[in-house]
Amino acid sequence: MKLDYHMHFEKGSYDLKWVQGFFDSAAARGLDEIGISEHSHGFTDFKELYDEDLILDDSFVGRFQQGWLKSNKFKYSLQEYFSFMDGLKARGYKVKTGIEVCNFRDQAKVGAILAQYPFDYVIGSIHFLHGWAYDSSEIKAEWDKHDLREIYDWYAEEVEHLCAAGLYDVLGHPFNIRLFKILPDFPVTEFLERVARALAKADMGVDINTGTFYRYPIAEISPYPEFLQLAAKYKLPIITSSDAHAPEDCGRYIDEAIAYAKSYGYDSCLHFTQRRRELVKF
């Protein structure tokens, strides 16, 4: 099977005219099924968690993030999302209902929200380091204020915290802290091992994500080879994804993602239905 389980409708509305483009692209690229993993910041249910976790003061980062939270965020409730997705499924669309949740401190609160809905799968992604949206190009200058070893340590720490919650099926775009091509000149094996061990303990999969290839300066599929090699060693299962934010990107470079996975010994990926998973051959 050829699957794409990480993409977002959020730049449009929940209407058939907008989302049809995703399914058209999926068909053109030979996908057997897609999964929508809307960001948690799209839903009113999660607003309080962002207010609690993000730097929102009068600093350079804080001012940007205050504006970021007011731009195309918290448009729908999870109930509205499920109503729309259930309607798509009723019309015969081959689609799964997922979500991509940020790395919040209060995982108990996250768990209480997620437990109310029958998701097919849940992706957990590290989008913030100590309240800083490190992947936002508008505040990229903040990188200059931190030692890169510290950032790798923070990233591993956040993954460990996420995994310990026991709420997630997959880690989204592992080690996308490389996205701006700020690369270490020191050994990072200890950080890679920490992440791999945490994922193995939590029985979570790895997102082989092409979004970092076509959307960011690093121009590489995540996770990068050193970590994917370790993921294979730990026998961590995978999903393949385009991280599409626009219809034309659905399924983009999925063939390359599959070839990349195969080069590290993978011959199958995860398929989900209401949190039940199975391995299916490519």
Protein backbone atom coordinates (compact mmCIF):
# COMPACT_ATOMS: atom_id res chain seq x y z
CA MET A 1 0.00 0.00 0.00
CA LYS A 2 1.05 3.56 -0.66
CA LEU A 3 -0.11 5.83 2.19
CA ASP A 4 0.26 9.49 3.15
CA TYR A 5 -0.74 10.02 6.77
CA HIS A 6 0.44 13.54 7.56
CA MET A 7 -1.26 16.50 5.92
CA HIS A 8 -3.45 19.47 6.76
CA PHE A 9 -6.65 21.01 5.39
CA GLU A 10 -6.14 24.10 7.57
CA LYS A 11 -5.27 26.66 4.87
CA GLY A 12 -8.78 26.28 3.50
CA SER A 13 -12.17 25.54 4.98
CA TYR A 14 -14.01 22.36 5.77
CA ASP A 15 -15.83 22.21 2.47
CA LEU A 16 -15.71 19.63 -0.28
CA LYS A 17 -14.49 22.06 -2.95
CA TRP A 18 -11.27 22.76 -1.01
CA VAL A 19 -10.48 19.22 0.12
CA GLN A 20 -11.27 17.59 -3.22
CA GLY A 21 -7.89 18.78 -4.46
CA PHE A 22 -6.13 16.62 -1.88
CA PHE A 23 -7.96 13.53 -3.09
CA ASP A 24 -7.30 14.43 -6.71
CA SER A 25 -3.56 14.67 -5.98
CA ALA A 26 -3.69 11.40 -4.04
CA ALA A 27 -5.27 9.65 -7.01
CA ALA A 28 -2.78 11.14 -9.46
CA ARG A 29 0.12 9.89 -7.33
CA GLY A 30 -1.32 6.43 -6.84
CA LEU A 31 -2.04 6.64 -3.13
CA ASP A 32 -4.24 3.93 -1.68
CA GLU A 33 -5.33 6.01 1.31
CA ILE A 34 -4.61 9.34 2.96
CA GLY A 35 -4.85 10.51 6.54
CA ILE A 36 -5.57 14.05 7.68
CA SER A 37 -3.62 15.11 10.76
CA GLU A 38 -4.83 18.61 11.49
CA HIS A 39 -2.63 20.65 13.82
CA SER A 40 -3.91 20.96 17.36
CA HIS A 41 -3.68 24.74 16.97
CA GLY A 42 -6.59 24.54 14.55
CA PHE A 43 -9.00 23.64 17.34
CA THR A 44 -10.57 25.70 20.09
CA ASP A 45 -10.22 22.67 22.40
CA PHE A 46 -6.45 23.24 22.63
CA LYS A 47 -6.29 27.04 22.95
CA GLU A 48 -5.70 27.05 26.70
CA LEU A 49 -2.68 24.77 26.30
CA TYR A 50 -1.01 27.16 23.85
CA ASP A 51 -1.68 30.08 26.18
CA GLU A 52 -0.03 28.15 29.00
CA ASP A 53 3.02 26.87 27.11
CA LEU A 54 4.16 29.47 24.60
CA ILE A 55 6.36 32.50 25.26
CA LEU A 56 3.81 35.31 24.88
CA ASP A 57 5.58 38.21 26.56
CA ASP A 58 6.88 41.47 25.05
CA SER A 59 10.11 39.86 23.77
CA PHE A 60 11.00 39.36 20.09
CA VAL A 61 9.75 35.77 20.25
CA GLY A 62 6.77 36.60 22.43
CA ARG A 63 5.43 39.36 20.19
CA PHE A 64 5.66 37.15 17.11
CA GLN A 65 3.95 34.24 18.82
CA GLN A 66 1.14 36.44 20.09
CA GLY A 67 0.40 37.33 16.46
CA TRP A 68 0.88 33.74 15.30
CA LEU A 69 -1.84 32.53 17.65
CA LYS A 70 -4.26 35.06 16.14
CA SER A 71 -3.58 34.04 12.54
CA ASN A 72 -5.76 31.26 11.15
CA LYS A 73 -5.79 29.41 14.48
CA PHE A 74 -8.56 27.84 16.57
CA LYS A 75 -11.05 27.96 13.69
CA TYR A 76 -13.01 24.84 14.56
CA SER A 77 -13.89 22.54 17.42
CA LEU A 78 -12.87 18.89 17.34
CA GLN A 79 -16.56 18.03 17.09
CA GLU A 80 -16.84 20.04 13.88
CA TYR A 81 -13.72 18.31 12.52
CA PHE A 82 -15.16 14.86 13.18
CA SER A 83 -18.50 15.77 11.67
CA PHE A 84 -16.76 16.86 8.49
CA MET A 85 -14.44 13.85 8.33
CA ASP A 86 -17.28 11.42 9.04
CA GLY A 87 -19.15 13.03 6.15
CA LEU A 88 -16.19 12.41 3.84
CA LYS A 89 -16.03 8.77 4.88
CA ALA A 90 -19.78 8.40 4.34
CA ARG A 91 -19.30 9.65 0.78
CA GLY A 92 -16.75 6.92 0.15
CA TYR A 93 -13.52 8.88 0.47
CA LYS A 94 -10.61 6.70 1.60
CA VAL A 95 -9.40 8.83 4.46
CA LYS A 96 -8.39 8.49 8.10
CA THR A 97 -9.02 11.03 10.84
CA GLY A 98 -5.82 11.88 12.63
CA ILE A 99 -4.35 14.81 14.50
CA GLU A 100 -0.90 16.30 15.03
CA VAL A 101 -0.50 17.48 18.60
CA CYS A 102 2.24 19.79 19.83
CA ASN A 103 4.51 18.92 22.73
CA PHE A 104 2.58 20.45 25.60
CA ARG A 105 3.74 20.34 29.19
CA ASP A 106 0.36 19.26 30.58
CA GLN A 107 -0.06 15.86 28.97
CA ALA A 108 -2.88 14.95 31.33
CA LYS A 109 -4.93 17.78 29.86
CA VAL A 110 -4.05 16.61 26.33
CA GLY A 111 -5.11 13.08 27.21
CA ALA A 112 -8.46 14.28 28.49
CA ILE A 113 -9.12 16.06 25.19
CA LEU A 114 -8.03 13.18 22.97
CA ALA A 115 -10.04 10.60 24.93
CA GLN A 116 -13.30 12.23 23.84
CA TYR A 117 -12.85 11.39 20.15
CA PRO A 118 -12.28 8.21 18.09
CA PHE A 119 -9.13 9.23 16.23
CA ASP A 120 -7.64 6.77 13.79
CA TYR A 121 -4.15 7.82 14.89
CA VAL A 122 -2.38 10.55 16.81
CA ILE A 123 0.93 12.13 15.82
CA GLY A 124 2.95 13.92 18.48
CA SER A 125 5.40 16.52 17.18
CA ILE A 126 8.02 18.73 18.78
CA HIS A 127 7.12 22.23 17.61
CA PHE A 128 8.33 24.21 20.64
CA LEU A 129 11.50 24.27 22.70
CA HIS A 130 10.90 25.93 26.06
CA GLY A 131 7.97 27.83 24.57
CA TRP A 132 9.81 28.96 21.40
CA ALA A 133 8.47 27.96 17.98
CA TYR A 134 11.92 27.11 16.64
CA ASP A 135 10.65 26.17 13.17
CA SER A 136 9.23 29.63 12.44
CA SER A 137 11.42 31.45 9.92
CA GLU A 138 10.15 34.81 11.16
CA ILE A 139 11.98 34.31 14.48
CA LYS A 140 14.93 32.34 13.14
CA ALA A 141 17.29 34.88 14.76
CA GLU A 142 16.51 33.27 18.11
CA TRP A 143 18.68 30.32 17.07
CA ASP A 144 21.74 32.53 17.48
CA LYS A 145 21.02 32.90 21.20
CA HIS A 146 21.33 29.20 22.00
CA ASP A 147 24.13 26.69 22.00
CA LEU A 148 23.34 23.93 19.50
CA ARG A 149 24.15 21.21 22.04
CA GLU A 150 21.53 22.76 24.30
CA ILE A 151 18.98 22.66 21.49
CA TYR A 152 19.67 18.96 20.82
CA ASP A 153 19.34 18.25 24.52
CA TRP A 154 16.07 20.18 24.70
CA TYR A 155 14.74 18.31 21.67
CA ALA A 156 15.55 14.89 23.15
CA GLU A 157 14.04 15.97 26.47
CA GLU A 158 10.81 17.02 24.76
CA VAL A 159 10.55 13.70 22.90
CA GLU A 160 11.08 11.80 26.13
CA HIS A 161 8.32 13.80 27.81
CA LEU A 162 5.97 13.23 24.86
CA CYS A 163 6.63 9.51 24.74
CA ALA A 164 6.20 9.08 28.49
CA ALA A 165 2.60 10.31 28.21
CA GLY A 166 1.54 7.16 26.33
CA LEU A 167 -0.87 9.11 24.14
CA TYR A 168 0.75 9.00 20.71
CA ASP A 169 1.17 6.58 17.83
CA VAL A 170 3.89 8.35 15.84
CA LEU A 171 6.59 10.99 16.31
CA GLY A 172 6.18 13.63 13.61
CA HIS A 173 9.16 14.67 11.44
CA PRO A 174 11.94 13.48 13.78
CA PHE A 175 14.90 15.83 14.22
CA ASN A 176 13.47 18.60 12.10
CA ILE A 177 15.65 20.86 14.25
CA ARG A 178 17.90 20.55 11.18
CA LEU A 179 15.37 22.38 9.00
CA PHE A 180 17.30 25.68 8.73
CA LYS A 181 20.54 23.83 7.92
CA ILE A 182 22.08 24.72 11.27
CA LEU A 183 24.09 21.53 11.62
CA PRO A 184 26.15 20.23 14.54
CA ASP A 185 29.92 19.96 14.48
CA PHE A 186 29.84 17.63 17.49
CA PRO A 187 28.69 14.01 17.98
CA VAL A 188 24.92 13.72 18.40
CA THR A 189 24.63 9.95 18.90
CA GLU A 190 23.62 10.32 22.55
CA PHE A 191 20.64 12.50 21.57
CA LEU A 192 19.60 10.17 18.75
CA GLU A 193 19.79 7.20 21.11
CA ARG A 194 17.68 8.96 23.73
CA VAL A 195 14.94 9.60 21.18
CA ALA A 196 15.06 6.08 19.74
CA ARG A 197 14.90 4.49 23.19
CA ALA A 198 11.97 6.67 24.22
CA LEU A 199 10.05 5.77 21.04
CA ALA A 200 10.76 2.07 21.47
CA LYS A 201 9.60 2.14 25.10
CA ALA A 202 6.39 3.94 24.08
CA ASP A 203 5.86 1.58 21.10
CA MET A 204 5.62 4.55 18.76
CA GLY A 205 6.37 4.83 15.07
CA VAL A 206 8.48 7.27 13.06
CA ASP A 207 7.18 9.70 10.45
CA ILE A 208 9.20 9.60 7.23
CA ASN A 209 8.24 13.07 6.18
CA THR A 210 9.03 14.70 2.83
CA GLY A 211 7.89 18.16 3.93
CA THR A 212 11.39 19.04 5.12
CA PHE A 213 12.64 18.14 1.64
CA TYR A 214 10.49 20.53 -0.37
CA ARG A 215 9.55 23.20 2.17
CA TYR A 216 12.73 24.01 4.12
CA PRO A 217 16.37 24.96 3.46
CA ILE A 218 17.69 21.61 4.64
CA ALA A 219 16.06 19.91 1.61
CA GLU A 220 16.20 16.44 3.15
CA ILE A 221 13.55 13.90 4.08
CA SER A 222 13.05 13.59 7.83
CA PRO A 223 14.40 11.79 9.69
CA TYR A 224 17.86 12.22 8.26
CA PRO A 225 19.91 9.06 7.58
CA GLU A 226 21.76 8.84 10.90
CA PHE A 227 18.50 8.64 12.81
CA LEU A 228 16.64 6.44 10.32
CA GLN A 229 19.46 3.93 10.57
CA LEU A 230 18.99 3.92 14.34
CA ALA A 231 15.20 3.66 13.97
CA ALA A 232 15.69 0.54 11.86
CA LYS A 233 18.06 -0.88 14.46
CA TYR A 234 15.41 -0.36 17.15
CA LYS A 235 12.77 -1.83 14.79
CA LEU A 236 10.62 1.29 15.03
CA PRO A 237 7.72 1.12 12.55
CA ILE A 238 7.13 3.97 10.12
CA ILE A 239 4.54 6.00 8.30
CA THR A 240 5.23 7.88 5.07
CA SER A 241 3.97 11.42 4.64
CA SER A 242 4.12 14.56 2.54
CA ASP A 243 3.17 17.02 5.31
CA ALA A 244 1.04 18.70 2.66
CA HIS A 245 -0.50 22.07 3.54
CA ALA A 246 -1.91 22.58 0.05
CA PRO A 247 -3.86 20.18 -2.19
CA GLU A 248 -1.16 19.91 -4.84
CA ASP A 249 1.36 18.65 -2.27
CA CYS A 250 -0.64 15.61 -1.15
CA GLY A 251 1.53 12.58 -1.83
CA ARG A 252 4.46 14.71 -2.92
CA TYR A 253 7.68 12.65 -2.99
CA ILE A 254 6.02 9.64 -1.34
CA ASP A 255 7.70 7.33 -3.84
CA GLU A 256 11.04 8.79 -2.77
CA ALA A 257 10.11 8.33 0.90
CA ILE A 258 9.32 4.67 0.27
CA ALA A 259 12.60 4.16 -1.59
CA TYR A 260 14.42 5.87 1.28
CA ALA A 261 12.76 3.57 3.82
CA LYS A 262 13.58 0.51 1.74
CA SER A 263 17.24 1.51 1.65
CA TYR A 264 17.29 0.99 5.44
CA GLY A 265 15.56 -2.39 5.29
CA TYR A 266 11.92 -1.39 5.67
CA ASP A 267 9.37 -3.22 3.54
CA SER A 268 6.16 -2.07 5.25
CA CYS A 269 4.47 0.85 6.95
CA LEU A 270 1.77 1.40 9.55
CA HIS A 271 -1.91 1.40 8.65
CA PHE A 272 -4.36 2.70 11.27
CA THR A 273 -8.05 2.33 12.07
CA GLN A 274 -9.30 3.87 15.32
CA ARG A 275 -5.90 3.53 17.01
CA ARG A 276 -5.55 -0.09 15.96
CA ARG A 277 -2.49 -0.57 13.80
CA GLU A 278 -1.18 -3.12 11.37
CA LEU A 279 1.89 -3.36 9.18
CA VAL A 280 1.16 -3.36 5.45
CA LYS A 281 3.66 -3.94 2.67
CA PHE A 282 4.65 -1.06 0.40
